[in-house]
Amino acid sequence: MKSQIKNKSFHFMTGWVNRFVNAGDTAMEVAGNTALRLCDMEPTYSKIAKASVVYLI
């Protein structure tokens, strides 16, 4: 009986772990794409972006 309870809780936990891993992978993909776009940005736009970030902070 105890082994069945442990197995059920293990399967429940693996589902949550997979969700967190998928969310982390997605966040890293978005961050990487954003970084690449910022590197490819023209210098005038990057100055505007930096000024807007300073203004917002």
N, C-alpha and C. Protein backbone atom coordinates (compact mmCIF):
# COMPACT_ATOMS: atom_id res chain seq x y z
N MET A 1 0.82 -1.19 0.00
CA MET A 1 0.00 0.00 0.00
C MET A 1 0.87 1.26 0.00
N LYS A 2 1.90 1.29 0.82
CA LYS A 2 2.76 2.47 0.88
C LYS A 2 3.49 2.70 -0.43
N SER A 3 3.89 1.61 -1.09
CA SER A 3 4.60 1.78 -2.36
C SER A 3 3.68 2.36 -3.43
N GLN A 4 2.40 2.03 -3.39
CA GLN A 4 1.46 2.60 -4.35
C GLN A 4 1.29 4.10 -4.14
N ILE A 5 1.25 4.51 -2.88
CA ILE A 5 1.11 5.94 -2.58
C ILE A 5 2.35 6.68 -3.05
N LYS A 6 3.52 6.11 -2.81
CA LYS A 6 4.76 6.75 -3.24
C LYS A 6 4.80 6.88 -4.75
N ASN A 7 4.38 5.85 -5.47
CA ASN A 7 4.40 5.90 -6.93
C ASN A 7 3.45 6.97 -7.47
N LYS A 8 2.28 7.10 -6.85
CA LYS A 8 1.32 8.11 -7.31
C LYS A 8 1.88 9.50 -7.08
N SER A 9 2.46 9.73 -5.92
CA SER A 9 3.01 11.06 -5.65
C SER A 9 4.20 11.34 -6.56
N PHE A 10 4.96 10.32 -6.90
CA PHE A 10 6.09 10.50 -7.81
C PHE A 10 5.61 10.94 -9.18
N HIS A 11 4.56 10.30 -9.69
CA HIS A 11 4.03 10.68 -11.00
C HIS A 11 3.45 12.09 -10.97
N PHE A 12 2.84 12.45 -9.86
CA PHE A 12 2.31 13.81 -9.72
C PHE A 12 3.44 14.83 -9.76
N MET A 13 4.54 14.53 -9.08
CA MET A 13 5.67 15.45 -9.04
C MET A 13 6.35 15.58 -10.39
N THR A 14 6.46 14.48 -11.13
CA THR A 14 7.13 14.58 -12.42
C THR A 14 6.37 15.49 -13.37
N GLY A 15 5.05 15.51 -13.28
CA GLY A 15 4.26 16.41 -14.11
C GLY A 15 4.57 17.87 -13.82
N TRP A 16 4.67 18.20 -12.54
CA TRP A 16 4.99 19.57 -12.16
C TRP A 16 6.41 19.94 -12.55
N VAL A 17 7.33 19.01 -12.39
CA VAL A 17 8.72 19.27 -12.76
C VAL A 17 8.81 19.54 -14.25
N ASN A 18 8.10 18.75 -15.05
CA ASN A 18 8.11 18.97 -16.50
C ASN A 18 7.55 20.34 -16.87
N ARG A 19 6.53 20.78 -16.16
CA ARG A 19 5.96 22.10 -16.44
C ARG A 19 6.97 23.19 -16.15
N PHE A 20 7.67 23.07 -15.02
CA PHE A 20 8.67 24.08 -14.69
C PHE A 20 9.84 24.06 -15.67
N VAL A 21 10.24 22.88 -16.09
CA VAL A 21 11.34 22.78 -17.05
C VAL A 21 10.93 23.40 -18.39
N ASN A 22 9.73 23.11 -18.84
CA ASN A 22 9.25 23.69 -20.10
C ASN A 22 9.15 25.20 -20.00
N ALA A 23 8.70 25.71 -18.87
CA ALA A 23 8.61 27.16 -18.69
C ALA A 23 10.01 27.78 -18.70
N GLY A 24 10.97 27.11 -18.08
CA GLY A 24 12.34 27.62 -18.08
C GLY A 24 12.95 27.62 -19.46
N ASP A 25 12.69 26.55 -20.22
CA ASP A 25 13.20 26.48 -21.59
C ASP A 25 12.61 27.60 -22.45
N THR A 26 11.33 27.85 -22.29
CA THR A 26 10.67 28.92 -23.05
C THR A 26 11.25 30.28 -22.68
N ALA A 27 11.46 30.51 -21.39
CA ALA A 27 12.02 31.79 -20.94
C ALA A 27 13.42 32.01 -21.50
N MET A 28 14.22 30.96 -21.52
CA MET A 28 15.58 31.09 -22.06
C MET A 28 15.54 31.36 -23.56
N GLU A 29 14.62 30.74 -24.27
CA GLU A 29 14.48 30.96 -25.71
C GLU A 29 14.09 32.41 -26.00
N VAL A 30 13.14 32.93 -25.23
CA VAL A 30 12.70 34.32 -25.41
C VAL A 30 13.85 35.27 -25.09
N ALA A 31 14.57 35.01 -24.01
CA ALA A 31 15.70 35.88 -23.63
C ALA A 31 16.79 35.85 -24.70
N GLY A 32 17.06 34.68 -25.26
CA GLY A 32 18.07 34.57 -26.31
C GLY A 32 17.66 35.32 -27.57
N ASN A 33 16.40 35.17 -27.96
CA ASN A 33 15.91 35.89 -29.15
C ASN A 33 15.95 37.40 -28.93
N THR A 34 15.58 37.83 -27.74
CA THR A 34 15.62 39.27 -27.44
C THR A 34 17.04 39.79 -27.48
N ALA A 35 17.98 39.04 -26.93
CA ALA A 35 19.38 39.47 -26.94
C ALA A 35 19.91 39.57 -28.36
N LEU A 36 19.56 38.61 -29.21
CA LEU A 36 20.01 38.67 -30.60
C LEU A 36 19.42 39.88 -31.32
N ARG A 37 18.17 40.16 -31.07
CA ARG A 37 17.54 41.32 -31.71
C ARG A 37 18.17 42.62 -31.23
N LEU A 38 18.51 42.69 -29.94
CA LEU A 38 19.15 43.90 -29.43
C LEU A 38 20.54 44.09 -30.02
N CYS A 39 21.25 42.99 -30.24
CA CYS A 39 22.58 43.09 -30.85
C CYS A 39 22.51 43.53 -32.31
N ASP A 40 21.46 43.12 -33.01
CA ASP A 40 21.30 43.47 -34.42
C ASP A 40 20.68 44.85 -34.62
N MET A 41 20.30 45.52 -33.55
CA MET A 41 19.63 46.80 -33.65
C MET A 41 20.58 47.89 -34.15
N GLU A 42 20.04 48.82 -34.92
CA GLU A 42 20.85 49.94 -35.40
C GLU A 42 21.25 50.82 -34.22
N PRO A 43 22.39 51.49 -34.33
CA PRO A 43 22.88 52.29 -33.19
C PRO A 43 21.91 53.38 -32.72
N THR A 44 21.20 54.02 -33.65
CA THR A 44 20.27 55.08 -33.23
C THR A 44 19.13 54.50 -32.40
N TYR A 45 18.64 53.34 -32.82
CA TYR A 45 17.56 52.72 -32.07
C TYR A 45 18.04 52.23 -30.71
N SER A 46 19.28 51.77 -30.64
CA SER A 46 19.78 51.30 -29.36
C SER A 46 19.93 52.45 -28.37
N LYS A 47 20.31 53.64 -28.87
CA LYS A 47 20.39 54.82 -27.99
C LYS A 47 19.01 55.18 -27.45
N ILE A 48 18.00 55.10 -28.31
CA ILE A 48 16.63 55.40 -27.89
C ILE A 48 16.17 54.36 -26.87
N ALA A 49 16.49 53.10 -27.11
CA ALA A 49 16.09 52.04 -26.19
C ALA A 49 16.76 52.22 -24.83
N LYS A 50 18.04 52.56 -24.82
CA LYS A 50 18.75 52.78 -23.55
C LYS A 50 18.15 53.96 -22.80
N ALA A 51 17.83 55.04 -23.52
CA ALA A 51 17.25 56.22 -22.88
C ALA A 51 15.88 55.90 -22.29
N SER A 52 15.09 55.09 -22.99
CA SER A 52 13.76 54.75 -22.48
C SER A 52 13.86 53.86 -21.25
N VAL A 53 14.84 52.97 -21.22
CA VAL A 53 15.02 52.12 -20.04
C VAL A 53 15.43 52.97 -18.84
N VAL A 54 16.32 53.92 -19.05
CA VAL A 54 16.74 54.81 -17.96
C VAL A 54 15.54 55.63 -17.47
N TYR A 55 14.71 56.09 -18.39
CA TYR A 55 13.52 56.87 -18.03
C TYR A 55 12.54 56.02 -17.21
N LEU A 56 12.35 54.77 -17.61
CA LEU A 56 11.40 53.90 -16.91
C LEU A 56 11.89 53.51 -15.52
N ILE A 57 13.19 53.40 -15.36
CA ILE A 57 13.74 52.99 -14.06
C ILE A 57 13.80 54.20 -13.18
